[in-house]
Amino acid sequence: MKKLAAVAALAALTLFYPQAGLSQSSEELKALREEIEALKESQKISQERRLLERDIDALQDGQRALQKDLQDIKTLLQARPAAAPSAEPQNAVLTVDGAPSKGEKTAKLTLVEFTDFQ
């Protein structure tokens, strides 16, 4: 019976006696709230940083692909044979007998052919 009374007294003291370790002042609670907010902000910044790093990686991959395409184009252009030199001008004799004309009959004429591929 003594043991039971001792256990009951110990339980009552434990339940009803204020413990210094469990109670916190308002300053401590305020500090804890500020620390929680700082941790939330830090987590948000970390998440934004991961998103930015992912975007940067995607941009770098795109840039590498463009550089590879450019190098392929350069290789193709270098491997292609040089353009044929333009043909020598040809002298042709045109007769304008009977056609209305003005000037010397032996005057030279330059004929330029122009094409627009649109």
PDB file of N, CA and C in Angstrom:
ATOM      1  N   MET A   1       0.809  -1.175   0.000  1.00  0.00           N
ATOM      2  CA  MET A   1       0.000   0.000   0.000  1.00  0.00           C
ATOM      3  C   MET A   1       0.867   1.259   0.000  1.00  0.00           C
ATOM      4  N   LYS A   2       1.964   1.195   0.716  1.00  0.00           N
ATOM      5  CA  LYS A   2       2.875   2.320   0.750  1.00  0.00           C
ATOM      6  C   LYS A   2       3.441   2.586  -0.652  1.00  0.00           C
ATOM      7  N   LYS A   3       3.710   1.497  -1.363  1.00  0.00           N
ATOM      8  CA  LYS A   3       4.245   1.660  -2.718  1.00  0.00           C
ATOM      9  C   LYS A   3       3.224   2.340  -3.627  1.00  0.00           C
ATOM     10  N   LEU A   4       1.969   1.959  -3.479  1.00  0.00           N
ATOM     11  CA  LEU A   4       0.906   2.540  -4.299  1.00  0.00           C
ATOM     12  C   LEU A   4       0.732   4.017  -3.988  1.00  0.00           C
ATOM     13  N   ALA A   5       0.783   4.379  -2.720  1.00  0.00           N
ATOM     14  CA  ALA A   5       0.650   5.770  -2.320  1.00  0.00           C
ATOM     15  C   ALA A   5       1.844   6.580  -2.830  1.00  0.00           C
ATOM     16  N   ALA A   6       3.023   6.004  -2.806  1.00  0.00           N
ATOM     17  CA  ALA A   6       4.222   6.691  -3.285  1.00  0.00           C
ATOM     18  C   ALA A   6       4.145   6.910  -4.802  1.00  0.00           C
ATOM     19  N   VAL A   7       3.661   5.920  -5.514  1.00  0.00           N
ATOM     20  CA  VAL A   7       3.541   6.038  -6.969  1.00  0.00           C
ATOM     21  C   VAL A   7       2.494   7.082  -7.318  1.00  0.00           C
ATOM     22  N   ALA A   8       1.369   7.107  -6.570  1.00  0.00           N
ATOM     23  CA  ALA A   8       0.304   8.083  -6.813  1.00  0.00           C
ATOM     24  C   ALA A   8       0.811   9.490  -6.524  1.00  0.00           C
ATOM     25  N   ALA A   9       1.556   9.655  -5.451  1.00  0.00           N
ATOM     26  CA  ALA A   9       2.089  10.970  -5.108  1.00  0.00           C
ATOM     27  C   ALA A   9       3.089  11.430  -6.166  1.00  0.00           C
ATOM     28  N   LEU A  10       3.905  10.527  -6.624  1.00  0.00           N
ATOM     29  CA  LEU A  10       4.872  10.855  -7.656  1.00  0.00           C
ATOM     30  C   LEU A  10       4.166  11.243  -8.963  1.00  0.00           C
ATOM     31  N   ALA A  11       3.113  10.522  -9.319  1.00  0.00           N
ATOM     32  CA  ALA A  11       2.345  10.831 -10.531  1.00  0.00           C
ATOM     33  C   ALA A  11       1.675  12.197 -10.401  1.00  0.00           C
ATOM     34  N   ALA A  12       1.124  12.513  -9.239  1.00  0.00           N
ATOM     35  CA  ALA A  12       0.468  13.803  -9.029  1.00  0.00           C
ATOM     36  C   ALA A  12       1.474  14.938  -9.140  1.00  0.00           C
ATOM     37  N   LEU A  13       2.647  14.760  -8.547  1.00  0.00           N
ATOM     38  CA  LEU A  13       3.670  15.795  -8.642  1.00  0.00           C
ATOM     39  C   LEU A  13       4.122  16.005 -10.092  1.00  0.00           C
ATOM     40  N   THR A  14       4.232  14.909 -10.799  1.00  0.00           N
ATOM     41  CA  THR A  14       4.671  15.000 -12.188  1.00  0.00           C
ATOM     42  C   THR A  14       3.648  15.730 -13.043  1.00  0.00           C
ATOM     43  N   LEU A  15       2.380  15.450 -12.821  1.00  0.00           N
ATOM     44  CA  LEU A  15       1.325  16.055 -13.629  1.00  0.00           C
ATOM     45  C   LEU A  15       1.059  17.513 -13.275  1.00  0.00           C
ATOM     46  N   PHE A  16       1.065  17.838 -12.009  1.00  0.00           N
ATOM     47  CA  PHE A  16       0.627  19.164 -11.579  1.00  0.00           C
ATOM     48  C   PHE A  16       1.761  20.142 -11.265  1.00  0.00           C
ATOM     49  N   TYR A  17       2.963  19.675 -11.146  1.00  0.00           N
ATOM     50  CA  TYR A  17       4.080  20.555 -10.835  1.00  0.00           C
ATOM     51  C   TYR A  17       4.612  21.140 -12.142  1.00  0.00           C
ATOM     52  N   PRO A  18       4.702  22.463 -12.265  1.00  0.00           N
ATOM     53  CA  PRO A  18       5.196  23.058 -13.513  1.00  0.00           C
ATOM     54  C   PRO A  18       6.672  22.715 -13.726  1.00  0.00           C
ATOM     55  N   GLN A  19       6.956  22.292 -14.939  1.00  0.00           N
ATOM     56  CA  GLN A  19       8.335  21.925 -15.258  1.00  0.00           C
ATOM     57  C   GLN A  19       8.968  23.057 -16.058  1.00  0.00           C
ATOM     58  N   ALA A  20      10.140  23.427 -15.668  1.00  0.00           N
ATOM     59  CA  ALA A  20      10.818  24.557 -16.282  1.00  0.00           C
ATOM     60  C   ALA A  20      11.193  24.257 -17.744  1.00  0.00           C
ATOM     61  N   GLY A  21      11.455  23.018 -18.047  1.00  0.00           N
ATOM     62  CA  GLY A  21      11.880  22.661 -19.399  1.00  0.00           C
ATOM     63  C   GLY A  21      10.744  22.727 -20.410  1.00  0.00           C
ATOM     64  N   LEU A  22       9.502  22.617 -19.986  1.00  0.00           N
ATOM     65  CA  LEU A  22       8.380  22.577 -20.910  1.00  0.00           C
ATOM     66  C   LEU A  22       7.747  23.944 -21.157  1.00  0.00           C
ATOM     67  N   SER A  23       7.902  24.855 -20.223  1.00  0.00           N
ATOM     68  CA  SER A  23       7.293  26.173 -20.421  1.00  0.00           C
ATOM     69  C   SER A  23       8.288  27.094 -21.133  1.00  0.00           C
ATOM     70  N   GLN A  24       7.748  27.954 -22.035  1.00  0.00           N
ATOM     71  CA  GLN A  24       8.601  28.873 -22.788  1.00  0.00           C
ATOM     72  C   GLN A  24       8.014  30.270 -22.698  1.00  0.00           C
ATOM     73  N   SER A  25       8.908  31.220 -22.649  1.00  0.00           N
ATOM     74  CA  SER A  25       8.455  32.601 -22.548  1.00  0.00           C
ATOM     75  C   SER A  25       7.995  33.087 -23.923  1.00  0.00           C
ATOM     76  N   SER A  26       7.328  34.229 -23.921  1.00  0.00           N
ATOM     77  CA  SER A  26       6.829  34.772 -25.177  1.00  0.00           C
ATOM     78  C   SER A  26       7.983  35.179 -26.104  1.00  0.00           C
ATOM     79  N   GLU A  27       9.101  35.621 -25.537  1.00  0.00           N
ATOM     80  CA  GLU A  27      10.257  35.965 -26.359  1.00  0.00           C
ATOM     81  C   GLU A  27      10.814  34.732 -27.070  1.00  0.00           C
ATOM     82  N   GLU A  28      10.855  33.621 -26.308  1.00  0.00           N
ATOM     83  CA  GLU A  28      11.348  32.380 -26.905  1.00  0.00           C
ATOM     84  C   GLU A  28      10.409  31.897 -28.009  1.00  0.00           C
ATOM     85  N   LEU A  29       9.109  32.018 -27.781  1.00  0.00           N
ATOM     86  CA  LEU A  29       8.133  31.623 -28.804  1.00  0.00           C
ATOM     87  C   LEU A  29       8.267  32.504 -30.043  1.00  0.00           C
ATOM     88  N   LYS A  30       8.461  33.802 -29.827  1.00  0.00           N
ATOM     89  CA  LYS A  30       8.632  34.732 -30.941  1.00  0.00           C
ATOM     90  C   LYS A  30       9.893  34.375 -31.735  1.00  0.00           C
ATOM     91  N   ALA A  31      10.961  34.057 -31.023  1.00  0.00           N
ATOM     92  CA  ALA A  31      12.215  33.678 -31.674  1.00  0.00           C
ATOM     93  C   ALA A  31      12.029  32.388 -32.475  1.00  0.00           C
ATOM     94  N   LEU A  32      11.274  31.441 -31.908  1.00  0.00           N
ATOM     95  CA  LEU A  32      11.014  30.193 -32.625  1.00  0.00           C
ATOM     96  C   LEU A  32      10.191  30.439 -33.889  1.00  0.00           C
ATOM     97  N   ARG A  33       9.198  31.314 -33.815  1.00  0.00           N
ATOM     98  CA  ARG A  33       8.387  31.641 -34.996  1.00  0.00           C
ATOM     99  C   ARG A  33       9.255  32.292 -36.079  1.00  0.00           C
ATOM    100  N   GLU A  34      10.123  33.201 -35.667  1.00  0.00           N
ATOM    101  CA  GLU A  34      11.010  33.856 -36.632  1.00  0.00           C
ATOM    102  C   GLU A  34      11.953  32.847 -37.277  1.00  0.00           C
ATOM    103  N   GLU A  35      12.437  31.899 -36.484  1.00  0.00           N
ATOM    104  CA  GLU A  35      13.319  30.867 -37.020  1.00  0.00           C
ATOM    105  C   GLU A  35      12.578  29.974 -38.020  1.00  0.00           C
ATOM    106  N   ILE A  36      11.326  29.664 -37.715  1.00  0.00           N
ATOM    107  CA  ILE A  36      10.511  28.858 -38.631  1.00  0.00           C
ATOM    108  C   ILE A  36      10.289  29.613 -39.937  1.00  0.00           C
ATOM    109  N   GLU A  37       9.975  30.901 -39.856  1.00  0.00           N
ATOM    110  CA  GLU A  37       9.778  31.709 -41.066  1.00  0.00           C
ATOM    111  C   GLU A  37      11.066  31.791 -41.899  1.00  0.00           C
ATOM    112  N   ALA A  38      12.198  31.931 -41.201  1.00  0.00           N
ATOM    113  CA  ALA A  38      13.479  31.984 -41.909  1.00  0.00           C
ATOM    114  C   ALA A  38      13.755  30.653 -42.622  1.00  0.00           C
ATOM    115  N   LEU A  39      13.420  29.553 -41.962  1.00  0.00           N
ATOM    116  CA  LEU A  39      13.608  28.244 -42.590  1.00  0.00           C
ATOM    117  C   LEU A  39      12.691  28.073 -43.800  1.00  0.00           C
ATOM    118  N   LYS A  40      11.452  28.546 -43.689  1.00  0.00           N
ATOM    119  CA  LYS A  40      10.525  28.473 -44.821  1.00  0.00           C
ATOM    120  C   LYS A  40      11.056  29.298 -45.994  1.00  0.00           C
ATOM    121  N   GLU A  41      11.552  30.503 -45.711  1.00  0.00           N
ATOM    122  CA  GLU A  41      12.099  31.378 -46.747  1.00  0.00           C
ATOM    123  C   GLU A  41      13.320  30.728 -47.398  1.00  0.00           C
ATOM    124  N   SER A  42      14.170  30.132 -46.579  1.00  0.00           N
ATOM    125  CA  SER A  42      15.358  29.447 -47.087  1.00  0.00           C
ATOM    126  C   SER A  42      14.966  28.282 -47.992  1.00  0.00           C
ATOM    127  N   GLN A  43      13.937  27.555 -47.596  1.00  0.00           N
ATOM    128  CA  GLN A  43      13.467  26.433 -48.409  1.00  0.00           C
ATOM    129  C   GLN A  43      12.899  26.942 -49.740  1.00  0.00           C
ATOM    130  N   LYS A  44      12.177  28.063 -49.689  1.00  0.00           N
ATOM    131  CA  LYS A  44      11.607  28.650 -50.908  1.00  0.00           C
ATOM    132  C   LYS A  44      12.732  29.092 -51.853  1.00  0.00           C
ATOM    133  N   ILE A  45      13.752  29.725 -51.299  1.00  0.00           N
ATOM    134  CA  ILE A  45      14.888  30.175 -52.101  1.00  0.00           C
ATOM    135  C   ILE A  45      15.610  28.977 -52.715  1.00  0.00           C
ATOM    136  N   SER A  46      15.778  27.909 -51.935  1.00  0.00           N
ATOM    137  CA  SER A  46      16.435  26.710 -52.455  1.00  0.00           C
ATOM    138  C   SER A  46      15.645  26.111 -53.607  1.00  0.00           C
ATOM    139  N   GLN A  47      14.328  26.096 -53.477  1.00  0.00           N
ATOM    140  CA  GLN A  47      13.477  25.554 -54.528  1.00  0.00           C
ATOM    141  C   GLN A  47      13.567  26.417 -55.791  1.00  0.00           C
ATOM    142  N   GLU A  48      13.548  27.737 -55.623  1.00  0.00           N
ATOM    143  CA  GLU A  48      13.680  28.635 -56.768  1.00  0.00           C
ATOM    144  C   GLU A  48      15.045  28.466 -57.433  1.00  0.00           C
ATOM    145  N   ARG A  49      16.062  28.269 -56.636  1.00  0.00           N
ATOM    146  CA  ARG A  49      17.408  28.075 -57.172  1.00  0.00           C
ATOM    147  C   ARG A  49      17.468  26.794 -57.996  1.00  0.00           C
ATOM    148  N   ARG A  50      16.851  25.712 -57.503  1.00  0.00           N
ATOM    149  CA  ARG A  50      16.829  24.458 -58.267  1.00  0.00           C
ATOM    150  C   ARG A  50      16.118  24.651 -59.601  1.00  0.00           C
ATOM    151  N   LEU A  51      15.022  25.416 -59.601  1.00  0.00           N
ATOM    152  CA  LEU A  51      14.295  25.680 -60.843  1.00  0.00           C
ATOM    153  C   LEU A  51      15.161  26.493 -61.815  1.00  0.00           C
ATOM    154  N   LEU A  52      15.857  27.493 -61.290  1.00  0.00           N
ATOM    155  CA  LEU A  52      16.738  28.302 -62.137  1.00  0.00           C
ATOM    156  C   LEU A  52      17.885  27.467 -62.707  1.00  0.00           C
ATOM    157  N   GLU A  53      18.455  26.596 -61.888  1.00  0.00           N
ATOM    158  CA  GLU A  53      19.538  25.740 -62.363  1.00  0.00           C
ATOM    159  C   GLU A  53      19.039  24.801 -63.454  1.00  0.00           C
ATOM    160  N   ARG A  54      17.808  24.304 -63.310  1.00  0.00           N
ATOM    161  CA  ARG A  54      17.229  23.436 -64.336  1.00  0.00           C
ATOM    162  C   ARG A  54      17.039  24.218 -65.645  1.00  0.00           C
ATOM    163  N   ASP A  55      16.553  25.470 -65.535  1.00  0.00           N
ATOM    164  CA  ASP A  55      16.379  26.307 -66.724  1.00  0.00           C
ATOM    165  C   ASP A  55      17.718  26.607 -67.393  1.00  0.00           C
ATOM    166  N   ILE A  56      18.732  26.880 -66.589  1.00  0.00           N
ATOM    167  CA  ILE A  56      20.071  27.158 -67.133  1.00  0.00           C
ATOM    168  C   ILE A  56      20.605  25.926 -67.852  1.00  0.00           C
ATOM    169  N   ASP A  57      20.419  24.748 -67.262  1.00  0.00           N
ATOM    170  CA  ASP A  57      20.872  23.518 -67.915  1.00  0.00           C
ATOM    171  C   ASP A  57      20.175  23.320 -69.256  1.00  0.00           C
ATOM    172  N   ALA A  58      18.868  23.596 -69.297  1.00  0.00           N
ATOM    173  CA  ALA A  58      18.119  23.456 -70.560  1.00  0.00           C
ATOM    174  C   ALA A  58      18.641  24.447 -71.601  1.00  0.00           C
ATOM    175  N   LEU A  59      18.917  25.679 -71.185  1.00  0.00           N
ATOM    176  CA  LEU A  59      19.462  26.674 -72.115  1.00  0.00           C
ATOM    177  C   LEU A  59      20.844  26.266 -72.625  1.00  0.00           C
ATOM    178  N   GLN A  60      21.670  25.733 -71.740  1.00  0.00           N
ATOM    179  CA  GLN A  60      23.002  25.296 -72.153  1.00  0.00           C
ATOM    180  C   GLN A  60      22.909  24.126 -73.129  1.00  0.00           C
ATOM    181  N   ASP A  61      21.971  23.200 -72.900  1.00  0.00           N
ATOM    182  CA  ASP A  61      21.782  22.093 -73.836  1.00  0.00           C
ATOM    183  C   ASP A  61      21.354  22.616 -75.202  1.00  0.00           C
ATOM    184  N   GLY A  62      20.445  23.582 -75.216  1.00  0.00           N
ATOM    185  CA  GLY A  62      20.017  24.186 -76.475  1.00  0.00           C
ATOM    186  C   GLY A  62      21.162  24.878 -77.184  1.00  0.00           C
ATOM    187  N   GLN A  63      21.995  25.574 -76.418  1.00  0.00           N
ATOM    188  CA  GLN A  63      23.144  26.265 -77.003  1.00  0.00           C
ATOM    189  C   GLN A  63      24.129  25.259 -77.603  1.00  0.00           C
ATOM    190  N   ARG A  64      24.361  24.154 -76.900  1.00  0.00           N
ATOM    191  CA  ARG A  64      25.253  23.119 -77.433  1.00  0.00           C
ATOM    192  C   ARG A  64      24.703  22.545 -78.737  1.00  0.00           C
ATOM    193  N   ALA A  65      23.396  22.329 -78.786  1.00  0.00           N
ATOM    194  CA  ALA A  65      22.775  21.799 -80.008  1.00  0.00           C
ATOM    195  C   ALA A  65      22.932  22.786 -81.161  1.00  0.00           C
ATOM    196  N   LEU A  66      22.744  24.082 -80.883  1.00  0.00           N
ATOM    197  CA  LEU A  66      22.921  25.099 -81.927  1.00  0.00           C
ATOM    198  C   LEU A  66      24.378  25.147 -82.410  1.00  0.00           C
ATOM    199  N   GLN A  67      25.316  25.041 -81.491  1.00  0.00           N
ATOM    200  CA  GLN A  67      26.725  25.059 -81.874  1.00  0.00           C
ATOM    201  C   GLN A  67      27.071  23.841 -82.734  1.00  0.00           C
ATOM    202  N   LYS A  68      26.509  22.688 -82.390  1.00  0.00           N
ATOM    203  CA  LYS A  68      26.745  21.489 -83.180  1.00  0.00           C
ATOM    204  C   LYS A  68      26.159  21.653 -84.581  1.00  0.00           C
ATOM    205  N   ASP A  69      24.935  22.185 -84.663  1.00  0.00           N
ATOM    206  CA  ASP A  69      24.321  22.421 -85.974  1.00  0.00           C
ATOM    207  C   ASP A  69      25.166  23.391 -86.800  1.00  0.00           C
ATOM    208  N   LEU A  70      25.650  24.435 -86.171  1.00  0.00           N
ATOM    209  CA  LEU A  70      26.491  25.412 -86.871  1.00  0.00           C
ATOM    210  C   LEU A  70      27.771  24.760 -87.377  1.00  0.00           C
ATOM    211  N   GLN A  71      28.378  23.922 -86.554  1.00  0.00           N
ATOM    212  CA  GLN A  71      29.595  23.235 -86.970  1.00  0.00           C
ATOM    213  C   GLN A  71      29.300  22.290 -88.134  1.00  0.00           C
ATOM    214  N   ASP A  72      28.156  21.594 -88.104  1.00  0.00           N
ATOM    215  CA  ASP A  72      27.766  20.715 -89.216  1.00  0.00           C
ATOM    216  C   ASP A  72      27.599  21.514 -90.503  1.00  0.00           C
ATOM    217  N   ILE A  73      26.987  22.679 -90.404  1.00  0.00           N
ATOM    218  CA  ILE A  73      26.800  23.531 -91.585  1.00  0.00           C
ATOM    219  C   ILE A  73      28.150  23.983 -92.126  1.00  0.00           C
ATOM    220  N   LYS A  74      29.056  24.387 -91.236  1.00  0.00           N
ATOM    221  CA  LYS A  74      30.394  24.800 -91.672  1.00  0.00           C
ATOM    222  C   LYS A  74      31.114  23.649 -92.379  1.00  0.00           C
ATOM    223  N   THR A  75      30.987  22.439 -91.829  1.00  0.00           N
ATOM    224  CA  THR A  75      31.633  21.274 -92.429  1.00  0.00           C
ATOM    225  C   THR A  75      31.075  21.014 -93.821  1.00  0.00           C
ATOM    226  N   LEU A  76      29.755  21.107 -93.954  1.00  0.00           N
ATOM    227  CA  LEU A  76      29.135  20.900 -95.259  1.00  0.00           C
ATOM    228  C   LEU A  76      29.588  21.956 -96.267  1.00  0.00           C
ATOM    229  N   LEU A  77      29.684  23.194 -95.833  1.00  0.00           N
ATOM    230  CA  LEU A  77      30.106  24.265 -96.738  1.00  0.00           C
ATOM    231  C   LEU A  77      31.563  24.100 -97.161  1.00  0.00           C
ATOM    232  N   GLN A  78      32.409  23.633 -96.250  1.00  0.00           N
ATOM    233  CA  GLN A  78      33.818  23.451 -96.586  1.00  0.00           C
ATOM    234  C   GLN A  78      34.009  22.259 -97.526  1.00  0.00           C
ATOM    235  N   ALA A  79      33.180  21.230 -97.377  1.00  0.00           N
ATOM    236  CA  ALA A  79      33.313  20.040 -98.205  1.00  0.00           C
ATOM    237  C   ALA A  79      32.745  20.251 -99.600  1.00  0.00           C
ATOM    238  N   ARG A  80      31.947  21.211 -99.789  1.00  0.00           N
ATOM    239  CA  ARG A  80      31.291  21.482-101.069  1.00  0.00           C
ATOM    240  C   ARG A  80      32.318  22.034-102.063  1.00  0.00           C
ATOM    241  N   PRO A  81      32.216  21.629-103.328  1.00  0.00           N
ATOM    242  CA  PRO A  81      33.181  22.130-104.305  1.00  0.00           C
ATOM    243  C   PRO A  81      32.996  23.632-104.508  1.00  0.00           C
ATOM    244  N   ALA A  82      34.089  24.254-104.870  1.00  0.00           N
ATOM    245  CA  ALA A  82      34.061  25.699-105.087  1.00  0.00           C
ATOM    246  C   ALA A  82      33.146  26.022-106.266  1.00  0.00           C
ATOM    247  N   ALA A  83      32.570  27.182-106.215  1.00  0.00           N
ATOM    248  CA  ALA A  83      31.676  27.601-107.293  1.00  0.00           C
ATOM    249  C   ALA A  83      32.468  27.723-108.590  1.00  0.00           C
ATOM    250  N   ALA A  84      31.848  27.297-109.662  1.00  0.00           N
ATOM    251  CA  ALA A  84      32.503  27.372-110.963  1.00  0.00           C
ATOM    252  C   ALA A  84      32.715  28.840-111.317  1.00  0.00           C
ATOM    253  N   PRO A  85      33.860  29.135-111.882  1.00  0.00           N
ATOM    254  CA  PRO A  85      34.087  30.536-112.250  1.00  0.00           C
ATOM    255  C   PRO A  85      33.077  30.937-113.323  1.00  0.00           C
ATOM    256  N   SER A  86      32.741  32.187-113.304  1.00  0.00           N
ATOM    257  CA  SER A  86      31.751  32.654-114.270  1.00  0.00           C
ATOM    258  C   SER A  86      32.303  32.496-115.682  1.00  0.00           C
ATOM    259  N   ALA A  87      31.403  32.225-116.568  1.00  0.00           N
ATOM    260  CA  ALA A  87      31.805  31.984-117.962  1.00  0.00           C
ATOM    261  C   ALA A  87      32.379  33.259-118.567  1.00  0.00           C
ATOM    262  N   GLU A  88      33.287  33.060-119.471  1.00  0.00           N
ATOM    263  CA  GLU A  88      33.875  34.192-120.169  1.00  0.00           C
ATOM    264  C   GLU A  88      32.792  34.867-121.017  1.00  0.00           C
ATOM    265  N   PRO A  89      32.872  36.156-121.120  1.00  0.00           N
ATOM    266  CA  PRO A  89      31.878  36.824-121.957  1.00  0.00           C
ATOM    267  C   PRO A  89      31.979  36.319-123.397  1.00  0.00           C
ATOM    268  N   GLN A  90      30.840  36.163-123.991  1.00  0.00           N
ATOM    269  CA  GLN A  90      30.814  35.686-125.369  1.00  0.00           C
ATOM    270  C   GLN A  90      30.507  36.850-126.304  1.00  0.00           C
ATOM    271  N   ASN A  91      31.209  36.872-127.350  1.00  0.00           N
ATOM    272  CA  ASN A  91      30.936  37.871-128.373  1.00  0.00           C
ATOM    273  C   ASN A  91      29.945  37.261-129.357  1.00  0.00           C
ATOM    274  N   ALA A  92      28.879  37.971-129.599  1.00  0.00           N
ATOM    275  CA  ALA A  92      27.872  37.494-130.547  1.00  0.00           C
ATOM    276  C   ALA A  92      27.596  38.600-131.549  1.00  0.00           C
ATOM    277  N   VAL A  93      27.277  38.204-132.704  1.00  0.00           N
ATOM    278  CA  VAL A  93      26.966  39.169-133.757  1.00  0.00           C
ATOM    279  C   VAL A  93      25.459  39.163-133.951  1.00  0.00           C
ATOM    280  N   LEU A  94      24.866  40.319-133.765  1.00  0.00           N
ATOM    281  CA  LEU A  94      23.427  40.470-133.951  1.00  0.00           C
ATOM    282  C   LEU A  94      23.207  41.329-135.184  1.00  0.00           C
ATOM    283  N   THR A  95      22.265  40.925-135.956  1.00  0.00           N
ATOM    284  CA  THR A  95      21.941  41.749-137.115  1.00  0.00           C
ATOM    285  C   THR A  95      20.654  42.489-136.844  1.00  0.00           C
ATOM    286  N   VAL A  96      20.677  43.727-137.110  1.00  0.00           N
ATOM    287  CA  VAL A  96      19.497  44.568-136.921  1.00  0.00           C
ATOM    288  C   VAL A  96      19.060  45.168-138.257  1.00  0.00           C
ATOM    289  N   ASP A  97      19.363  44.462-139.321  1.00  0.00           N
ATOM    290  CA  ASP A  97      18.995  44.962-140.649  1.00  0.00           C
ATOM    291  C   ASP A  97      17.485  45.098-140.739  1.00  0.00           C
ATOM    292  N   GLY A  98      17.049  46.225-141.140  1.00  0.00           N
ATOM    293  CA  GLY A  98      15.636  46.486-141.339  1.00  0.00           C
ATOM    294  C   GLY A  98      14.918  46.913-140.073  1.00  0.00           C
ATOM    295  N   ALA A  99      15.577  46.861-138.904  1.00  0.00           N
ATOM    296  CA  ALA A  99      14.946  47.285-137.665  1.00  0.00           C
ATOM    297  C   ALA A  99      15.297  48.740-137.415  1.00  0.00           C
ATOM    298  N   PRO A 100      14.347  49.503-136.883  1.00  0.00           N
ATOM    299  CA  PRO A 100      14.669  50.901-136.610  1.00  0.00           C
ATOM    300  C   PRO A 100      15.761  50.975-135.546  1.00  0.00           C
ATOM    301  N   SER A 101      16.744  51.802-135.744  1.00  0.00           N
ATOM    302  CA  SER A 101      17.827  51.941-134.781  1.00  0.00           C
ATOM    303  C   SER A 101      18.392  53.335-134.849  1.00  0.00           C
ATOM    304  N   LYS A 102      19.198  53.655-133.881  1.00  0.00           N
ATOM    305  CA  LYS A 102      19.802  54.970-133.792  1.00  0.00           C
ATOM    306  C   LYS A 102      21.260  54.756-133.416  1.00  0.00           C
ATOM    307  N   GLY A 103      22.168  55.415-133.970  1.00  0.00           N
ATOM    308  CA  GLY A 103      23.573  55.287-133.640  1.00  0.00           C
ATOM    309  C   GLY A 103      24.312  54.500-134.684  1.00  0.00           C
ATOM    310  N   GLU A 104      25.603  54.195-134.378  1.00  0.00           N
ATOM    311  CA  GLU A 104      26.443  53.486-135.332  1.00  0.00           C
ATOM    312  C   GLU A 104      26.020  52.032-135.441  1.00  0.00           C
ATOM    313  N   LYS A 105      26.146  51.510-136.614  1.00  0.00           N
ATOM    314  CA  LYS A 105      25.775  50.122-136.850  1.00  0.00           C
ATOM    315  C   LYS A 105      26.817  49.174-136.259  1.00  0.00           C
ATOM    316  N   THR A 106      28.008  49.619-136.007  1.00  0.00           N
ATOM    317  CA  THR A 106      29.063  48.753-135.474  1.00  0.00           C
ATOM    318  C   THR A 106      29.270  48.947-133.968  1.00  0.00           C
ATOM    319  N   ALA A 107      28.357  49.638-133.312  1.00  0.00           N
ATOM    320  CA  ALA A 107      28.508  49.899-131.866  1.00  0.00           C
ATOM    321  C   ALA A 107      28.416  48.585-131.087  1.00  0.00           C
ATOM    322  N   LYS A 108      29.203  48.517-130.017  1.00  0.00           N
ATOM    323  CA  LYS A 108      29.184  47.310-129.182  1.00  0.00           C
ATOM    324  C   LYS A 108      28.022  47.399-128.207  1.00  0.00           C
ATOM    325  N   LEU A 109      27.500  46.251-127.862  1.00  0.00           N
ATOM    326  CA  LEU A 109      26.349  46.158-126.963  1.00  0.00           C
ATOM    327  C   LEU A 109      26.696  45.168-125.857  1.00  0.00           C
ATOM    328  N   THR A 110      26.368  45.514-124.647  1.00  0.00           N
ATOM    329  CA  THR A 110      26.558  44.590-123.526  1.00  0.00           C
ATOM    330  C   THR A 110      25.189  44.104-123.083  1.00  0.00           C
ATOM    331  N   LEU A 111      25.007  42.806-123.064  1.00  0.00           N
ATOM    332  CA  LEU A 111      23.742  42.198-122.669  1.00  0.00           C
ATOM    333  C   LEU A 111      23.950  41.529-121.322  1.00  0.00           C
ATOM    334  N   VAL A 112      23.178  41.916-120.324  1.00  0.00           N
ATOM    335  CA  VAL A 112      23.293  41.369-118.972  1.00  0.00           C
ATOM    336  C   VAL A 112      22.029  40.562-118.676  1.00  0.00           C
ATOM    337  N   GLU A 113      22.237  39.334-118.277  1.00  0.00           N
ATOM    338  CA  GLU A 113      21.084  38.506-117.917  1.00  0.00           C
ATOM    339  C   GLU A 113      20.939  38.544-116.401  1.00  0.00           C
ATOM    340  N   PHE A 114      19.752  38.834-115.959  1.00  0.00           N
ATOM    341  CA  PHE A 114      19.476  38.920-114.510  1.00  0.00           C
ATOM    342  C   PHE A 114      18.306  37.998-114.181  1.00  0.00           C
ATOM    343  N   THR A 115      18.454  37.209-113.188  1.00  0.00           N
ATOM    344  CA  THR A 115      17.363  36.316-112.778  1.00  0.00           C
ATOM    345  C   THR A 115      17.080  36.495-111.305  1.00  0.00           C
ATOM    346  N   ASP A 116      15.827  36.485-110.975  1.00  0.00           N
ATOM    347  CA  ASP A 116      15.399  36.560-109.574  1.00  0.00           C
ATOM    348  C   ASP A 116      14.693  35.248-109.258  1.00  0.00           C
ATOM    349  N   PHE A 117      15.220  34.507-108.324  1.00  0.00           N
ATOM    350  CA  PHE A 117      14.710  33.161-108.052  1.00  0.00           C
ATOM    351  C   PHE A 117      13.544  33.143-107.069  1.00  0.00           C
ATOM    352  N   GLN A 118      12.899  34.228-106.881  1.00  0.00           N
ATOM    353  CA  GLN A 118      11.775  34.217-105.926  1.00  0.00           C
ATOM    354  C   GLN A 118      10.534  33.748-106.563  1.00  0.00           C
TER     355      GLN A 118
END
